[in-house]
Amino acid sequence: MTTPPLAPDAQRHLEESIASVREALTGLRFGTVALTVHEGRVVQIDVTEKKRLKPS
């Protein structure tokens, strides 16, 4: 099954969204990356990082 090609502005938004997700993942060892999507477009990326502390 193939999908129809995207309009140029939608393709650009998709590429920018993917780049933003990659950036959010860079260096993240533990945590979550959550995407908020409205009408098929990524409108928000939330990154929550967890840092493990060694017991003293």
N, C-alpha and C. Protein backbone atom coordinates (compact mmCIF):
# COMPACT_ATOMS: atom_id res chain seq x y z
N MET A 1 0.84 -1.18 0.00
CA MET A 1 0.00 0.00 0.00
C MET A 1 0.89 1.24 0.00
N THR A 2 0.65 2.14 -0.91
CA THR A 2 1.43 3.36 -0.98
C THR A 2 0.58 4.55 -0.56
N THR A 3 1.25 5.57 -0.07
CA THR A 3 0.54 6.79 0.32
C THR A 3 0.76 7.84 -0.75
N PRO A 4 -0.21 8.72 -0.95
CA PRO A 4 -0.04 9.77 -1.96
C PRO A 4 1.04 10.75 -1.52
N PRO A 5 1.70 11.40 -2.47
CA PRO A 5 2.74 12.36 -2.12
C PRO A 5 2.15 13.55 -1.35
N LEU A 6 2.97 14.11 -0.46
CA LEU A 6 2.53 15.25 0.34
C LEU A 6 2.72 16.55 -0.43
N ALA A 7 1.92 17.54 -0.08
CA ALA A 7 2.11 18.89 -0.63
C ALA A 7 3.47 19.40 -0.14
N PRO A 8 4.10 20.31 -0.89
CA PRO A 8 5.44 20.78 -0.50
C PRO A 8 5.52 21.34 0.93
N ASP A 9 4.52 22.10 1.36
CA ASP A 9 4.57 22.66 2.72
C ASP A 9 4.40 21.56 3.77
N ALA A 10 3.58 20.56 3.49
CA ALA A 10 3.40 19.44 4.41
C ALA A 10 4.67 18.60 4.48
N GLN A 11 5.33 18.41 3.35
CA GLN A 11 6.59 17.66 3.32
C GLN A 11 7.66 18.39 4.13
N ARG A 12 7.74 19.71 3.98
CA ARG A 12 8.71 20.50 4.73
C ARG A 12 8.44 20.40 6.23
N HIS A 13 7.16 20.51 6.63
CA HIS A 13 6.78 20.40 8.04
C HIS A 13 7.16 19.02 8.59
N LEU A 14 6.91 17.98 7.82
CA LEU A 14 7.26 16.62 8.24
C LEU A 14 8.76 16.48 8.45
N GLU A 15 9.56 16.99 7.53
CA GLU A 15 11.02 16.91 7.65
C GLU A 15 11.52 17.70 8.86
N GLU A 16 10.93 18.88 9.11
CA GLU A 16 11.31 19.69 10.27
C GLU A 16 10.92 18.98 11.56
N SER A 17 9.76 18.33 11.56
CA SER A 17 9.31 17.60 12.75
C SER A 17 10.24 16.43 13.05
N ILE A 18 10.63 15.70 12.03
CA ILE A 18 11.55 14.57 12.22
C ILE A 18 12.89 15.07 12.75
N ALA A 19 13.38 16.18 12.21
CA ALA A 19 14.64 16.75 12.69
C ALA A 19 14.53 17.17 14.15
N SER A 20 13.40 17.73 14.54
CA SER A 20 13.19 18.14 15.93
C SER A 20 13.14 16.93 16.87
N VAL A 21 12.52 15.85 16.43
CA VAL A 21 12.46 14.64 17.25
C VAL A 21 13.87 14.05 17.39
N ARG A 22 14.63 14.03 16.32
CA ARG A 22 16.01 13.54 16.40
C ARG A 22 16.82 14.37 17.40
N GLU A 23 16.66 15.68 17.34
CA GLU A 23 17.36 16.57 18.25
C GLU A 23 16.96 16.29 19.70
N ALA A 24 15.67 16.06 19.93
CA ALA A 24 15.19 15.77 21.28
C ALA A 24 15.78 14.46 21.80
N LEU A 25 16.00 13.50 20.93
CA LEU A 25 16.53 12.20 21.34
C LEU A 25 18.04 12.20 21.55
N THR A 26 18.72 13.16 20.95
CA THR A 26 20.18 13.21 21.04
C THR A 26 20.60 13.43 22.49
N GLY A 27 21.38 12.52 22.99
CA GLY A 27 21.90 12.64 24.35
C GLY A 27 20.94 12.21 25.44
N LEU A 28 19.73 11.84 25.10
CA LEU A 28 18.76 11.39 26.10
C LEU A 28 19.04 9.94 26.45
N ARG A 29 19.37 9.67 27.71
CA ARG A 29 19.66 8.29 28.12
C ARG A 29 18.44 7.63 28.73
N PHE A 30 17.73 8.34 29.61
CA PHE A 30 16.53 7.82 30.25
C PHE A 30 15.47 8.91 30.20
N GLY A 31 14.27 8.58 29.80
CA GLY A 31 13.21 9.57 29.79
C GLY A 31 12.20 9.30 28.70
N THR A 32 11.42 10.33 28.40
CA THR A 32 10.37 10.19 27.39
C THR A 32 10.39 11.38 26.43
N VAL A 33 9.94 11.12 25.22
CA VAL A 33 9.69 12.16 24.23
C VAL A 33 8.25 11.98 23.80
N ALA A 34 7.42 13.01 24.02
CA ALA A 34 6.00 12.94 23.69
C ALA A 34 5.68 13.96 22.61
N LEU A 35 4.94 13.51 21.60
CA LEU A 35 4.53 14.40 20.51
C LEU A 35 3.06 14.74 20.66
N THR A 36 2.73 16.00 20.44
CA THR A 36 1.34 16.43 20.38
C THR A 36 1.03 16.73 18.93
N VAL A 37 -0.01 16.10 18.42
CA VAL A 37 -0.38 16.23 17.00
C VAL A 37 -1.78 16.80 16.90
N HIS A 38 -1.95 17.84 16.11
CA HIS A 38 -3.26 18.42 15.82
C HIS A 38 -3.46 18.40 14.31
N GLU A 39 -4.55 17.81 13.89
CA GLU A 39 -4.91 17.75 12.47
C GLU A 39 -3.75 17.22 11.61
N GLY A 40 -3.09 16.19 12.13
CA GLY A 40 -2.04 15.53 11.35
C GLY A 40 -0.69 16.22 11.36
N ARG A 41 -0.53 17.28 12.15
CA ARG A 41 0.74 18.01 12.20
C ARG A 41 1.27 18.02 13.62
N VAL A 42 2.57 17.81 13.76
CA VAL A 42 3.20 17.88 15.08
C VAL A 42 3.23 19.35 15.50
N VAL A 43 2.65 19.63 16.67
CA VAL A 43 2.61 21.02 17.14
C VAL A 43 3.41 21.22 18.42
N GLN A 44 3.80 20.12 19.07
CA GLN A 44 4.54 20.26 20.32
C GLN A 44 5.35 18.99 20.58
N ILE A 45 6.56 19.18 21.11
CA ILE A 45 7.41 18.07 21.52
C ILE A 45 7.80 18.31 22.97
N ASP A 46 7.45 17.36 23.84
CA ASP A 46 7.80 17.44 25.26
C ASP A 46 8.87 16.39 25.56
N VAL A 47 9.94 16.83 26.21
CA VAL A 47 11.02 15.93 26.59
C VAL A 47 11.11 15.91 28.11
N THR A 48 11.05 14.73 28.69
CA THR A 48 11.23 14.54 30.12
C THR A 48 12.44 13.65 30.32
N GLU A 49 13.45 14.18 30.99
CA GLU A 49 14.67 13.41 31.21
C GLU A 49 14.73 12.97 32.66
N LYS A 50 15.11 11.72 32.86
CA LYS A 50 15.28 11.18 34.20
C LYS A 50 16.77 11.03 34.46
N LYS A 51 17.19 11.48 35.62
CA LYS A 51 18.59 11.33 36.01
C LYS A 51 18.64 10.41 37.21
N ARG A 52 19.43 9.37 37.10
CA ARG A 52 19.58 8.40 38.17
C ARG A 52 20.70 8.88 39.10
N LEU A 53 20.39 8.97 40.38
CA LEU A 53 21.38 9.37 41.37
C LEU A 53 21.88 8.14 42.10
N LYS A 54 23.18 8.11 42.34
CA LYS A 54 23.76 6.99 43.08
C LYS A 54 23.46 7.17 44.57
N PRO A 55 23.12 6.08 45.25
CA PRO A 55 22.87 6.21 46.69
C PRO A 55 24.15 6.61 47.43
N SER A 56 23.99 7.40 48.48
CA SER A 56 25.18 7.84 49.23
C SER A 56 25.50 6.93 50.38
